[in-house]
Amino acid sequence: MSESTDGSTRVYTDQFWVPMSVLLGGMVAGPAGWFMRLSSARFGWALMIGGLIAALGFAPSLFLDKATVSEQQFTQRTGIWGMTAVHTVNVDQLSHVRLTKEESRGRRGRKNTSYYMICHLKDGSQEKVPLGNSVAEAAAGDFLQVVASHNIPISDET
């Protein structure tokens, strides 16, 4: 995770090597799978398909993950390329913030825990911001400091 400052705005992104590693790994996996399919067809096809998904799906997503925090607002852009979710919360519209976690059962009974920052706005609506990666977690910590400095209530329900 990389943090930069532009005036009073802090910008959080993944470090450059993370998406580049995924992109290069995907580009290597494709040709490797092509040659592997002769000795192990299933493994070769899995490498080709997985490499394509990594290079065209995950690498661009990692390049685009970004969160910004200023005294006025919090903005987060995250998600799979083509289905990117953008969350924007203006501090002057906040009534209170809740930190929550949701537990669900995955395949074979495995427990999955997801963390969220639920921003309740003065108009009665809410913005549910997922805190599922290092970019979002780091930015949320700074945003909560901004919220606290504006005397907006924060409740931790995790």
Protein backbone atom coordinates (compact mmCIF):
# COMPACT_ATOMS: atom_id res chain seq x y z
CA MET A 1 0.00 0.00 0.00
CA SER A 2 1.32 3.42 -0.95
CA GLU A 3 0.35 6.75 0.61
CA SER A 4 0.95 10.18 -0.90
CA THR A 5 -0.09 13.67 0.16
CA ASP A 6 -1.34 16.41 -2.14
CA GLY A 7 -1.88 19.46 0.06
CA SER A 8 -4.29 18.35 2.78
CA THR A 9 -5.53 15.37 0.75
CA ARG A 10 -4.07 11.92 1.37
CA VAL A 11 -4.19 9.41 -1.49
CA TYR A 12 -3.89 5.65 -0.93
CA THR A 13 -3.14 3.15 -3.71
CA ASP A 14 -1.51 -0.25 -4.11
CA GLN A 15 2.24 -0.12 -4.59
CA PHE A 16 3.26 -0.34 -8.25
CA TRP A 17 4.89 -3.77 -7.91
CA VAL A 18 1.65 -5.46 -6.79
CA PRO A 19 -0.41 -5.04 -10.00
CA MET A 20 2.73 -5.43 -12.14
CA SER A 21 3.48 -8.79 -10.50
CA VAL A 22 -0.06 -9.99 -11.18
CA LEU A 23 0.12 -8.74 -14.78
CA LEU A 24 3.49 -10.37 -15.47
CA GLY A 25 2.45 -13.58 -13.71
CA GLY A 26 -0.66 -13.75 -15.87
CA MET A 27 1.34 -13.08 -19.02
CA VAL A 28 3.81 -15.86 -18.15
CA ALA A 29 1.08 -18.32 -17.14
CA GLY A 30 -0.61 -18.19 -20.56
CA PRO A 31 2.32 -19.43 -22.67
CA ALA A 32 3.43 -21.80 -19.89
CA GLY A 33 -0.04 -23.34 -19.92
CA TRP A 34 0.10 -23.71 -23.70
CA PHE A 35 3.22 -25.87 -23.43
CA MET A 36 2.04 -27.68 -20.28
CA ARG A 37 -1.20 -28.82 -21.91
CA LEU A 38 0.70 -31.47 -23.86
CA SER A 39 1.82 -33.27 -20.68
CA SER A 40 -1.10 -32.33 -18.42
CA ALA A 41 -4.11 -31.00 -20.30
CA ARG A 42 -6.11 -30.01 -17.23
CA PHE A 43 -3.22 -28.13 -15.61
CA GLY A 44 -2.24 -26.49 -18.90
CA TRP A 45 -5.76 -25.20 -19.58
CA ALA A 46 -6.06 -23.99 -15.97
CA LEU A 47 -2.83 -22.00 -16.37
CA MET A 48 -3.96 -20.47 -19.67
CA ILE A 49 -7.39 -19.47 -18.36
CA GLY A 50 -6.07 -18.35 -14.96
CA GLY A 51 -3.31 -16.31 -16.59
CA LEU A 52 -5.80 -14.58 -18.86
CA ILE A 53 -8.08 -13.74 -15.92
CA ALA A 54 -5.13 -12.45 -13.87
CA ALA A 55 -3.72 -10.31 -16.69
CA LEU A 56 -7.01 -8.88 -17.98
CA GLY A 57 -9.12 -8.85 -14.80
CA PHE A 58 -7.15 -8.62 -11.59
CA ALA A 59 -4.14 -6.53 -12.68
CA PRO A 60 -6.21 -3.58 -14.00
CA SER A 61 -8.36 -3.76 -10.86
CA LEU A 62 -5.28 -3.42 -8.66
CA PHE A 63 -4.04 -0.48 -10.75
CA LEU A 64 -7.39 1.30 -10.26
CA ASP A 65 -7.90 0.71 -6.49
CA LYS A 66 -7.67 4.12 -4.85
CA ALA A 67 -8.89 5.94 -1.75
CA THR A 68 -8.61 9.65 -0.94
CA VAL A 69 -9.14 11.38 2.39
CA SER A 70 -9.44 15.12 2.92
CA GLU A 71 -10.99 17.34 5.57
CA GLN A 72 -14.14 17.53 3.41
CA GLN A 73 -14.66 14.01 2.05
CA PHE A 74 -13.68 10.37 1.74
CA THR A 75 -13.66 8.70 -1.68
CA GLN A 76 -12.95 5.05 -2.42
CA ARG A 77 -12.79 3.34 -5.82
CA THR A 78 -12.49 -0.42 -5.63
CA GLY A 79 -13.67 -3.60 -7.29
CA ILE A 80 -13.11 -5.72 -10.34
CA TRP A 81 -12.31 -3.80 -13.51
CA GLY A 82 -15.56 -3.07 -15.33
CA MET A 83 -17.63 -3.42 -12.14
CA THR A 84 -15.89 -0.80 -10.05
CA ALA A 85 -17.70 0.55 -6.99
CA VAL A 86 -17.20 4.19 -6.03
CA HIS A 87 -18.06 5.40 -2.53
CA THR A 88 -18.06 9.11 -1.69
CA VAL A 89 -18.86 10.46 1.77
CA ASN A 90 -18.89 14.18 2.53
CA VAL A 91 -18.02 14.98 6.14
CA ASP A 92 -20.54 17.84 6.38
CA GLN A 93 -23.38 15.41 5.50
CA LEU A 94 -22.51 12.83 8.20
CA SER A 95 -24.64 12.30 11.29
CA HIS A 96 -22.66 9.31 12.65
CA VAL A 97 -20.41 6.42 11.59
CA ARG A 98 -20.61 2.74 12.58
CA LEU A 99 -17.86 0.16 12.14
CA THR A 100 -19.41 -3.27 11.68
CA LYS A 101 -18.51 -6.79 10.72
CA GLU A 102 -20.62 -9.38 8.96
CA GLU A 103 -19.99 -13.08 9.26
CA SER A 104 -21.19 -15.54 6.66
CA ARG A 105 -20.60 -19.19 5.90
CA GLY A 106 -18.70 -20.07 2.77
CA ARG A 107 -18.42 -23.34 0.97
CA ARG A 108 -17.87 -26.32 3.23
CA GLY A 109 -18.88 -24.30 6.31
CA ARG A 110 -15.89 -21.95 6.34
CA LYS A 111 -16.56 -18.70 8.23
CA ASN A 112 -15.99 -15.47 6.27
CA THR A 113 -15.77 -12.12 8.05
CA SER A 114 -16.25 -8.83 6.19
CA TYR A 115 -15.71 -5.40 7.75
CA TYR A 116 -17.67 -2.28 6.79
CA MET A 117 -17.78 1.40 7.65
CA ILE A 118 -21.43 2.44 7.56
CA CYS A 119 -21.74 6.21 7.19
CA HIS A 120 -25.16 7.50 8.25
CA LEU A 121 -26.03 10.75 6.50
CA LYS A 122 -28.18 13.61 7.81
CA ASP A 123 -30.86 12.93 5.16
CA GLY A 124 -31.45 9.45 6.62
CA SER A 125 -29.59 7.47 3.94
CA GLN A 126 -26.40 5.54 4.51
CA GLU A 127 -23.26 4.63 2.59
CA LYS A 128 -21.86 1.16 3.28
CA VAL A 129 -18.13 1.26 2.55
CA PRO A 130 -16.35 -2.13 2.44
CA LEU A 131 -13.00 -2.34 4.23
CA GLY A 132 -11.78 -5.44 2.45
CA ASN A 133 -8.26 -4.48 1.38
CA SER A 134 -5.20 -2.66 2.70
CA VAL A 135 -5.97 0.50 0.72
CA ALA A 136 -9.45 0.82 2.24
CA GLU A 137 -8.26 -0.04 5.77
CA ALA A 138 -5.51 2.59 5.78
CA ALA A 139 -7.77 5.29 4.33
CA ALA A 140 -10.58 4.45 6.77
CA GLY A 141 -8.26 4.98 9.72
CA ASP A 142 -7.40 8.49 8.53
CA PHE A 143 -11.04 9.24 7.66
CA LEU A 144 -12.15 8.24 11.16
CA GLN A 145 -9.63 10.71 12.59
CA VAL A 146 -11.15 13.44 10.41
CA VAL A 147 -14.65 12.42 11.54
CA ALA A 148 -13.60 12.49 15.20
CA SER A 149 -12.05 15.96 14.77
CA HIS A 150 -15.49 17.18 13.58
CA ASN A 151 -17.12 15.73 16.75
CA ILE A 152 -19.20 13.23 14.76
CA PRO A 153 -20.06 10.11 16.81
CA ILE A 154 -18.28 6.87 15.88
CA SER A 155 -19.44 3.50 17.19
CA ASP A 156 -17.30 0.37 16.87
CA GLU A 157 -19.51 -2.74 16.68
CA THR A 158 -16.83 -5.18 15.54
